[in-house]
Amino acid sequence: MKILLVNPNATASMTDKIAASARRVAGPGVEIIARTGEGSPASIEGHYDEAMSVPALLRHVREGEQEGVAGVVVACFDDPGIGACRELATGPVIGIAEAAMKAATMLATSFSVVTTLPRSVPVIEELARRYGVDHQCRKVRSASIPVLALEEEGSGAREKVRDEILRAIREDNCEAIVLGCAGMADLTDWLSRETGVPVIDGVTVALKFVEGLAAVSLGTSKICAYAQPNQK
């Protein structure tokens, strides 16, 4: 089984980190094809960056279809272009925000999201409403760090994320934490140990969702909203 994992931004080091996290949990015989959004913004930090990342994302999904992938993981917490990707793909397409939030509802009665910059907060709040989990999402919080700080040794970014999680547990009374950025994918084990609650990374969860759906031969419905586009 081949699964396409697309990092919609243009930072290859982040793609490598995300892919390593996915490969660590992939089942036997599952091949992860990791792609970077060449020509997209270096990080996705707002509506404009999100929109600019979609053309490269769609190109990779089209190419993945030609390579015979079983499904697609969109590894950006804004879940950019998910509907358009589903129109192109035959297998399941899952964004990491939807995967992480819905996994959180299976593990706890409430959760908070910890993301990078304050400008991401309203975007994620809207996603929680769209996915029908806003009544379980206690709060969307920002650690006030740029996305690319997660790629820099000695930036203190992971400690800031941990401290925000501890505040969320104390102030929001949440039972689980969703990490609101794909660049945090390598922090889950450490953060769970440091904070004592389930800390959910959408990259690994989305990968397992796609793998499971594909394993039971479930793909994207093509009879209405996600029918193939007239022009590819």
C-alpha atoms as a PDB file:
ATOM      1  CA  MET A   1       0.000   0.000   0.000  1.00  0.00           C
ATOM      2  CA  LYS A   2       1.324   3.444  -0.959  1.00  0.00           C
ATOM      3  CA  ILE A   3       0.093   6.516   0.930  1.00  0.00           C
ATOM      4  CA  LEU A   4       0.855  10.042  -0.214  1.00  0.00           C
ATOM      5  CA  LEU A   5       1.783  12.497   2.537  1.00  0.00           C
ATOM      6  CA  VAL A   6       1.924  16.125   1.382  1.00  0.00           C
ATOM      7  CA  ASN A   7       3.468  18.938   3.391  1.00  0.00           C
ATOM      8  CA  PRO A   8       1.830  21.904   1.617  1.00  0.00           C
ATOM      9  CA  ASN A   9       4.571  24.361   2.604  1.00  0.00           C
ATOM     10  CA  ALA A  10       7.980  24.620   0.929  1.00  0.00           C
ATOM     11  CA  THR A  11      10.189  23.673   3.903  1.00  0.00           C
ATOM     12  CA  ALA A  12      11.809  20.339   3.078  1.00  0.00           C
ATOM     13  CA  SER A  13      13.199  19.809   6.592  1.00  0.00           C
ATOM     14  CA  MET A  14       9.641  19.892   7.941  1.00  0.00           C
ATOM     15  CA  THR A  15       8.574  17.347   5.328  1.00  0.00           C
ATOM     16  CA  ASP A  16      11.399  15.057   6.470  1.00  0.00           C
ATOM     17  CA  LYS A  17      10.323  15.346  10.105  1.00  0.00           C
ATOM     18  CA  ILE A  18       6.651  14.762   9.298  1.00  0.00           C
ATOM     19  CA  ALA A  19       7.481  11.765   7.101  1.00  0.00           C
ATOM     20  CA  ALA A  20       9.659  10.228   9.815  1.00  0.00           C
ATOM     21  CA  SER A  21       6.761  10.439  12.273  1.00  0.00           C
ATOM     22  CA  ALA A  22       4.406   8.814   9.760  1.00  0.00           C
ATOM     23  CA  ARG A  23       6.842   6.021   8.887  1.00  0.00           C
ATOM     24  CA  ARG A  24       7.305   5.226  12.573  1.00  0.00           C
ATOM     25  CA  VAL A  25       3.639   4.215  12.895  1.00  0.00           C
ATOM     26  CA  ALA A  26       2.943   2.883   9.387  1.00  0.00           C
ATOM     27  CA  GLY A  27       1.928  -0.750   9.191  1.00  0.00           C
ATOM     28  CA  PRO A  28       3.916  -3.524   7.488  1.00  0.00           C
ATOM     29  CA  GLY A  29       4.024  -3.083   3.740  1.00  0.00           C
ATOM     30  CA  VAL A  30       2.905   0.559   3.848  1.00  0.00           C
ATOM     31  CA  GLU A  31       5.085   2.907   1.803  1.00  0.00           C
ATOM     32  CA  ILE A  32       4.967   6.604   2.654  1.00  0.00           C
ATOM     33  CA  ILE A  33       5.507   8.881  -0.351  1.00  0.00           C
ATOM     34  CA  ALA A  34       6.359  12.288   1.120  1.00  0.00           C
ATOM     35  CA  ARG A  35       6.123  15.454  -0.959  1.00  0.00           C
ATOM     36  CA  THR A  36       6.890  19.126  -0.280  1.00  0.00           C
ATOM     37  CA  GLY A  37       4.918  22.081  -1.659  1.00  0.00           C
ATOM     38  CA  GLU A  38       7.566  23.494  -3.976  1.00  0.00           C
ATOM     39  CA  GLY A  39       6.786  27.111  -4.831  1.00  0.00           C
ATOM     40  CA  SER A  40       4.439  27.462  -1.852  1.00  0.00           C
ATOM     41  CA  PRO A  41       5.130  29.682   1.180  1.00  0.00           C
ATOM     42  CA  ALA A  42       7.887  28.463   3.507  1.00  0.00           C
ATOM     43  CA  SER A  43       5.281  28.191   6.256  1.00  0.00           C
ATOM     44  CA  ILE A  44       1.494  28.458   6.282  1.00  0.00           C
ATOM     45  CA  GLU A  45       0.530  31.168   8.714  1.00  0.00           C
ATOM     46  CA  GLY A  46      -2.778  32.607   7.559  1.00  0.00           C
ATOM     47  CA  HIS A  47      -5.428  32.581   4.855  1.00  0.00           C
ATOM     48  CA  TYR A  48      -3.159  33.951   2.111  1.00  0.00           C
ATOM     49  CA  ASP A  49      -0.436  31.350   2.750  1.00  0.00           C
ATOM     50  CA  GLU A  50      -3.089  28.651   2.775  1.00  0.00           C
ATOM     51  CA  ALA A  51      -4.472  29.741  -0.595  1.00  0.00           C
ATOM     52  CA  MET A  52      -1.000  29.971  -2.118  1.00  0.00           C
ATOM     53  CA  SER A  53      -0.208  26.418  -1.014  1.00  0.00           C
ATOM     54  CA  VAL A  54      -3.132  24.775  -2.800  1.00  0.00           C
ATOM     55  CA  PRO A  55      -1.812  24.633  -6.421  1.00  0.00           C
ATOM     56  CA  ALA A  56       1.264  22.578  -5.471  1.00  0.00           C
ATOM     57  CA  LEU A  57      -0.857  20.407  -3.179  1.00  0.00           C
ATOM     58  CA  LEU A  58      -3.283  19.599  -5.995  1.00  0.00           C
ATOM     59  CA  ARG A  59      -0.405  18.863  -8.362  1.00  0.00           C
ATOM     60  CA  HIS A  60       0.965  16.301  -5.916  1.00  0.00           C
ATOM     61  CA  VAL A  61      -2.460  14.697  -5.479  1.00  0.00           C
ATOM     62  CA  ARG A  62      -2.847  14.382  -9.262  1.00  0.00           C
ATOM     63  CA  GLU A  63       0.603  12.807  -9.497  1.00  0.00           C
ATOM     64  CA  GLY A  64      -0.209  10.491  -6.610  1.00  0.00           C
ATOM     65  CA  GLU A  65      -3.263   9.245  -8.446  1.00  0.00           C
ATOM     66  CA  GLN A  66      -1.057   8.412 -11.425  1.00  0.00           C
ATOM     67  CA  GLU A  67       1.306   6.518  -9.091  1.00  0.00           C
ATOM     68  CA  GLY A  68      -1.565   4.481  -7.678  1.00  0.00           C
ATOM     69  CA  VAL A  69      -1.572   5.721  -4.079  1.00  0.00           C
ATOM     70  CA  ALA A  70      -4.213   4.267  -1.790  1.00  0.00           C
ATOM     71  CA  GLY A  71      -4.908   7.573  -0.021  1.00  0.00           C
ATOM     72  CA  VAL A  72      -3.619  11.006   0.905  1.00  0.00           C
ATOM     73  CA  VAL A  73      -2.662  12.797   4.116  1.00  0.00           C
ATOM     74  CA  VAL A  74      -2.658  16.610   3.911  1.00  0.00           C
ATOM     75  CA  ALA A  75      -0.118  17.584   6.564  1.00  0.00           C
ATOM     76  CA  CYS A  76      -1.069  21.146   7.440  1.00  0.00           C
ATOM     77  CA  PHE A  77      -3.348  21.972  10.352  1.00  0.00           C
ATOM     78  CA  ASP A  78      -5.349  24.464   8.284  1.00  0.00           C
ATOM     79  CA  ASP A  79      -6.544  21.468   6.211  1.00  0.00           C
ATOM     80  CA  PRO A  80      -6.054  23.465   2.989  1.00  0.00           C
ATOM     81  CA  GLY A  81      -7.768  22.391  -0.209  1.00  0.00           C
ATOM     82  CA  ILE A  82      -9.306  19.233   1.277  1.00  0.00           C
ATOM     83  CA  GLY A  83     -12.469  19.381  -0.842  1.00  0.00           C
ATOM     84  CA  ALA A  84     -10.522  19.924  -4.055  1.00  0.00           C
ATOM     85  CA  CYS A  85      -8.119  17.096  -3.169  1.00  0.00           C
ATOM     86  CA  ARG A  86     -11.063  14.762  -2.593  1.00  0.00           C
ATOM     87  CA  GLU A  87     -12.424  15.594  -6.034  1.00  0.00           C
ATOM     88  CA  LEU A  88      -9.123  14.477  -7.577  1.00  0.00           C
ATOM     89  CA  ALA A  89      -8.497  11.418  -5.413  1.00  0.00           C
ATOM     90  CA  THR A  90     -10.138   8.005  -5.501  1.00  0.00           C
ATOM     91  CA  GLY A  91      -8.851   6.911  -2.100  1.00  0.00           C
ATOM     92  CA  PRO A  92      -9.484   8.633   1.253  1.00  0.00           C
ATOM     93  CA  VAL A  93      -8.048  12.141   1.757  1.00  0.00           C
ATOM     94  CA  ILE A  94      -7.655  13.244   5.364  1.00  0.00           C
ATOM     95  CA  GLY A  95      -6.387  16.519   6.787  1.00  0.00           C
ATOM     96  CA  ILE A  96      -4.501  16.443  10.044  1.00  0.00           C
ATOM     97  CA  ALA A  97      -6.818  18.882  11.850  1.00  0.00           C
ATOM     98  CA  GLU A  98      -9.908  16.777  11.208  1.00  0.00           C
ATOM     99  CA  ALA A  99      -8.050  13.588  12.123  1.00  0.00           C
ATOM    100  CA  ALA A 100      -6.629  14.965  15.370  1.00  0.00           C
ATOM    101  CA  MET A 101      -9.836  16.632  16.557  1.00  0.00           C
ATOM    102  CA  LYS A 102     -11.978  13.577  15.888  1.00  0.00           C
ATOM    103  CA  ALA A 103      -9.416  11.293  17.533  1.00  0.00           C
ATOM    104  CA  ALA A 104      -9.490  13.558  20.596  1.00  0.00           C
ATOM    105  CA  THR A 105     -13.249  13.055  20.912  1.00  0.00           C
ATOM    106  CA  MET A 106     -12.654   9.290  21.049  1.00  0.00           C
ATOM    107  CA  LEU A 107     -10.084   9.587  23.838  1.00  0.00           C
ATOM    108  CA  ALA A 108     -11.531  12.302  26.080  1.00  0.00           C
ATOM    109  CA  THR A 109     -14.713  14.246  26.718  1.00  0.00           C
ATOM    110  CA  SER A 110     -12.910  17.542  26.057  1.00  0.00           C
ATOM    111  CA  PHE A 111      -9.751  18.862  24.454  1.00  0.00           C
ATOM    112  CA  SER A 112      -7.887  22.080  23.763  1.00  0.00           C
ATOM    113  CA  VAL A 113      -5.742  22.871  20.744  1.00  0.00           C
ATOM    114  CA  VAL A 114      -2.272  24.392  21.084  1.00  0.00           C
ATOM    115  CA  THR A 115      -1.055  26.014  17.879  1.00  0.00           C
ATOM    116  CA  THR A 116       1.775  28.332  16.863  1.00  0.00           C
ATOM    117  CA  LEU A 117       0.742  31.941  16.189  1.00  0.00           C
ATOM    118  CA  PRO A 118      -2.336  33.866  17.391  1.00  0.00           C
ATOM    119  CA  ARG A 119      -3.500  34.444  13.803  1.00  0.00           C
ATOM    120  CA  SER A 120      -4.067  30.687  13.468  1.00  0.00           C
ATOM    121  CA  VAL A 121      -6.577  30.622  16.335  1.00  0.00           C
ATOM    122  CA  PRO A 122      -9.703  31.811  14.419  1.00  0.00           C
ATOM    123  CA  VAL A 123      -8.894  29.499  11.509  1.00  0.00           C
ATOM    124  CA  ILE A 124      -8.779  26.491  13.838  1.00  0.00           C
ATOM    125  CA  GLU A 125     -11.897  27.604  15.711  1.00  0.00           C
ATOM    126  CA  GLU A 126     -13.751  27.623  12.394  1.00  0.00           C
ATOM    127  CA  LEU A 127     -12.455  24.133  11.580  1.00  0.00           C
ATOM    128  CA  ALA A 128     -13.740  22.847  14.940  1.00  0.00           C
ATOM    129  CA  ARG A 129     -17.189  24.210  14.052  1.00  0.00           C
ATOM    130  CA  ARG A 130     -17.038  22.730  10.560  1.00  0.00           C
ATOM    131  CA  TYR A 131     -16.110  19.295  11.900  1.00  0.00           C
ATOM    132  CA  GLY A 132     -18.825  19.377  14.546  1.00  0.00           C
ATOM    133  CA  VAL A 133     -16.525  19.166  17.576  1.00  0.00           C
ATOM    134  CA  ASP A 134     -16.687  22.756  18.842  1.00  0.00           C
ATOM    135  CA  HIS A 135     -18.766  21.665  21.847  1.00  0.00           C
ATOM    136  CA  GLN A 136     -15.871  19.437  22.958  1.00  0.00           C
ATOM    137  CA  CYS A 137     -13.086  21.871  22.058  1.00  0.00           C
ATOM    138  CA  ARG A 138     -12.595  23.899  25.231  1.00  0.00           C
ATOM    139  CA  LYS A 139     -10.207  26.434  23.699  1.00  0.00           C
ATOM    140  CA  VAL A 140      -7.764  27.067  20.858  1.00  0.00           C
ATOM    141  CA  ARG A 141      -4.539  28.447  22.262  1.00  0.00           C
ATOM    142  CA  SER A 142      -1.385  29.932  20.765  1.00  0.00           C
ATOM    143  CA  ALA A 143       2.140  29.319  22.037  1.00  0.00           C
ATOM    144  CA  SER A 144       3.159  32.538  20.198  1.00  0.00           C
ATOM    145  CA  ILE A 145       5.908  30.915  18.145  1.00  0.00           C
ATOM    146  CA  PRO A 146       6.491  31.093  14.374  1.00  0.00           C
ATOM    147  CA  VAL A 147       6.050  27.768  12.597  1.00  0.00           C
ATOM    148  CA  LEU A 148       9.680  27.692  11.491  1.00  0.00           C
ATOM    149  CA  ALA A 149      10.880  28.092  15.095  1.00  0.00           C
ATOM    150  CA  LEU A 150       9.950  24.425  15.455  1.00  0.00           C
ATOM    151  CA  GLU A 151      12.761  23.664  12.995  1.00  0.00           C
ATOM    152  CA  GLU A 152      15.414  25.619  14.927  1.00  0.00           C
ATOM    153  CA  GLU A 153      17.559  23.979  17.595  1.00  0.00           C
ATOM    154  CA  GLY A 154      17.682  26.031  20.768  1.00  0.00           C
ATOM    155  CA  SER A 155      14.671  28.192  19.867  1.00  0.00           C
ATOM    156  CA  GLY A 156      12.819  27.189  23.030  1.00  0.00           C
ATOM    157  CA  ALA A 157       9.750  26.421  20.920  1.00  0.00           C
ATOM    158  CA  ARG A 158       9.004  23.024  22.395  1.00  0.00           C
ATOM    159  CA  GLU A 159       9.216  24.369  25.947  1.00  0.00           C
ATOM    160  CA  LYS A 160       6.749  27.122  25.035  1.00  0.00           C
ATOM    161  CA  VAL A 161       4.374  24.518  23.630  1.00  0.00           C
ATOM    162  CA  ARG A 162       4.693  22.445  26.818  1.00  0.00           C
ATOM    163  CA  ASP A 163       4.021  25.464  29.023  1.00  0.00           C
ATOM    164  CA  GLU A 164       0.915  26.365  27.013  1.00  0.00           C
ATOM    165  CA  ILE A 165      -0.354  22.801  27.349  1.00  0.00           C
ATOM    166  CA  LEU A 166       0.071  22.962  31.111  1.00  0.00           C
ATOM    167  CA  ARG A 167      -1.892  26.227  31.158  1.00  0.00           C
ATOM    168  CA  ALA A 168      -4.623  24.618  29.070  1.00  0.00           C
ATOM    169  CA  ILE A 169      -4.954  21.697  31.484  1.00  0.00           C
ATOM    170  CA  ARG A 170      -5.078  24.052  34.451  1.00  0.00           C
ATOM    171  CA  GLU A 171      -7.320  26.771  33.019  1.00  0.00           C
ATOM    172  CA  ASP A 172      -9.505  24.960  30.450  1.00  0.00           C
ATOM    173  CA  ASN A 173     -10.052  21.746  32.429  1.00  0.00           C
ATOM    174  CA  CYS A 174      -9.417  19.825  29.206  1.00  0.00           C
ATOM    175  CA  GLU A 175      -8.626  16.116  29.228  1.00  0.00           C
ATOM    176  CA  ALA A 176      -6.556  15.925  26.031  1.00  0.00           C
ATOM    177  CA  ILE A 177      -4.456  18.190  23.839  1.00  0.00           C
ATOM    178  CA  VAL A 178      -4.389  18.474  20.063  1.00  0.00           C
ATOM    179  CA  LEU A 179      -1.192  19.868  18.562  1.00  0.00           C
ATOM    180  CA  GLY A 180      -2.176  22.526  16.032  1.00  0.00           C
ATOM    181  CA  CYS A 181       0.785  22.309  13.649  1.00  0.00           C
ATOM    182  CA  ALA A 182       2.350  19.500  11.619  1.00  0.00           C
ATOM    183  CA  GLY A 183       5.775  20.782  12.676  1.00  0.00           C
ATOM    184  CA  MET A 184       5.034  19.531  16.214  1.00  0.00           C
ATOM    185  CA  ALA A 185       4.745  15.917  15.040  1.00  0.00           C
ATOM    186  CA  ASP A 186       7.945  14.803  16.735  1.00  0.00           C
ATOM    187  CA  LEU A 187       7.003  16.221  20.152  1.00  0.00           C
ATOM    188  CA  THR A 188       4.029  14.041  21.124  1.00  0.00           C
ATOM    189  CA  ASP A 189       5.783  11.417  23.254  1.00  0.00           C
ATOM    190  CA  TRP A 190       7.809  13.997  25.185  1.00  0.00           C
ATOM    191  CA  LEU A 191       4.823  16.276  25.702  1.00  0.00           C
ATOM    192  CA  SER A 192       2.610  13.420  26.908  1.00  0.00           C
ATOM    193  CA  ARG A 193       5.251  12.474  29.478  1.00  0.00           C
ATOM    194  CA  GLU A 194       5.739  16.090  30.544  1.00  0.00           C
ATOM    195  CA  THR A 195       2.028  16.893  30.906  1.00  0.00           C
ATOM    196  CA  GLY A 196       0.323  13.630  31.841  1.00  0.00           C
ATOM    197  CA  VAL A 197      -2.478  13.824  29.247  1.00  0.00           C
ATOM    198  CA  PRO A 198      -2.949  12.373  25.752  1.00  0.00           C
ATOM    199  CA  VAL A 199      -1.206  14.704  23.293  1.00  0.00           C
ATOM    200  CA  ILE A 200      -2.470  14.073  19.782  1.00  0.00           C
ATOM    201  CA  ASP A 201      -0.523  14.728  16.601  1.00  0.00           C
ATOM    202  CA  GLY A 202      -2.681  14.803  13.497  1.00  0.00           C
ATOM    203  CA  VAL A 203       0.033  13.491  11.164  1.00  0.00           C
ATOM    204  CA  THR A 204       0.276  10.035  12.723  1.00  0.00           C
ATOM    205  CA  VAL A 205      -3.458   9.780  13.400  1.00  0.00           C
ATOM    206  CA  ALA A 206      -4.362  10.830   9.835  1.00  0.00           C
ATOM    207  CA  LEU A 207      -1.895   8.297   8.454  1.00  0.00           C
ATOM    208  CA  LYS A 208      -3.525   5.483  10.439  1.00  0.00           C
ATOM    209  CA  PHE A 209      -7.021   6.637   9.441  1.00  0.00           C
ATOM    210  CA  VAL A 210      -6.078   6.594   5.748  1.00  0.00           C
ATOM    211  CA  GLU A 211      -4.335   3.252   6.144  1.00  0.00           C
ATOM    212  CA  GLY A 212      -7.336   1.713   7.886  1.00  0.00           C
ATOM    213  CA  LEU A 213      -9.923   3.029   5.435  1.00  0.00           C
ATOM    214  CA  ALA A 214      -7.865   1.917   2.455  1.00  0.00           C
ATOM    215  CA  ALA A 215      -7.329  -1.517   4.019  1.00  0.00           C
ATOM    216  CA  VAL A 216     -11.090  -2.116   4.043  1.00  0.00           C
ATOM    217  CA  SER A 217     -11.413  -0.798   0.469  1.00  0.00           C
ATOM    218  CA  LEU A 218     -13.144   2.471   1.333  1.00  0.00           C
ATOM    219  CA  GLY A 219     -12.497   5.474  -0.884  1.00  0.00           C
ATOM    220  CA  THR A 220     -13.917   8.909  -1.624  1.00  0.00           C
ATOM    221  CA  SER A 221     -17.514   8.948  -2.919  1.00  0.00           C
ATOM    222  CA  LYS A 222     -17.714  10.103  -6.532  1.00  0.00           C
ATOM    223  CA  ILE A 223     -21.449  10.507  -7.074  1.00  0.00           C
ATOM    224  CA  CYS A 224     -21.972  14.138  -6.041  1.00  0.00           C
ATOM    225  CA  ALA A 225     -19.878  16.711  -4.141  1.00  0.00           C
ATOM    226  CA  TYR A 226     -16.545  14.937  -4.645  1.00  0.00           C
ATOM    227  CA  ALA A 227     -17.104  13.862  -8.240  1.00  0.00           C
ATOM    228  CA  GLN A 228     -14.131  14.255 -10.540  1.00  0.00           C
ATOM    229  CA  PRO A 229     -13.734  17.874 -11.698  1.00  0.00           C
ATOM    230  CA  ASN A 230     -14.515  18.713 -15.317  1.00  0.00           C
ATOM    231  CA  GLN A 231     -11.040  20.186 -15.750  1.00  0.00           C
ATOM    232  CA  LYS A 232      -7.972  18.742 -14.044  1.00  0.00           C
END
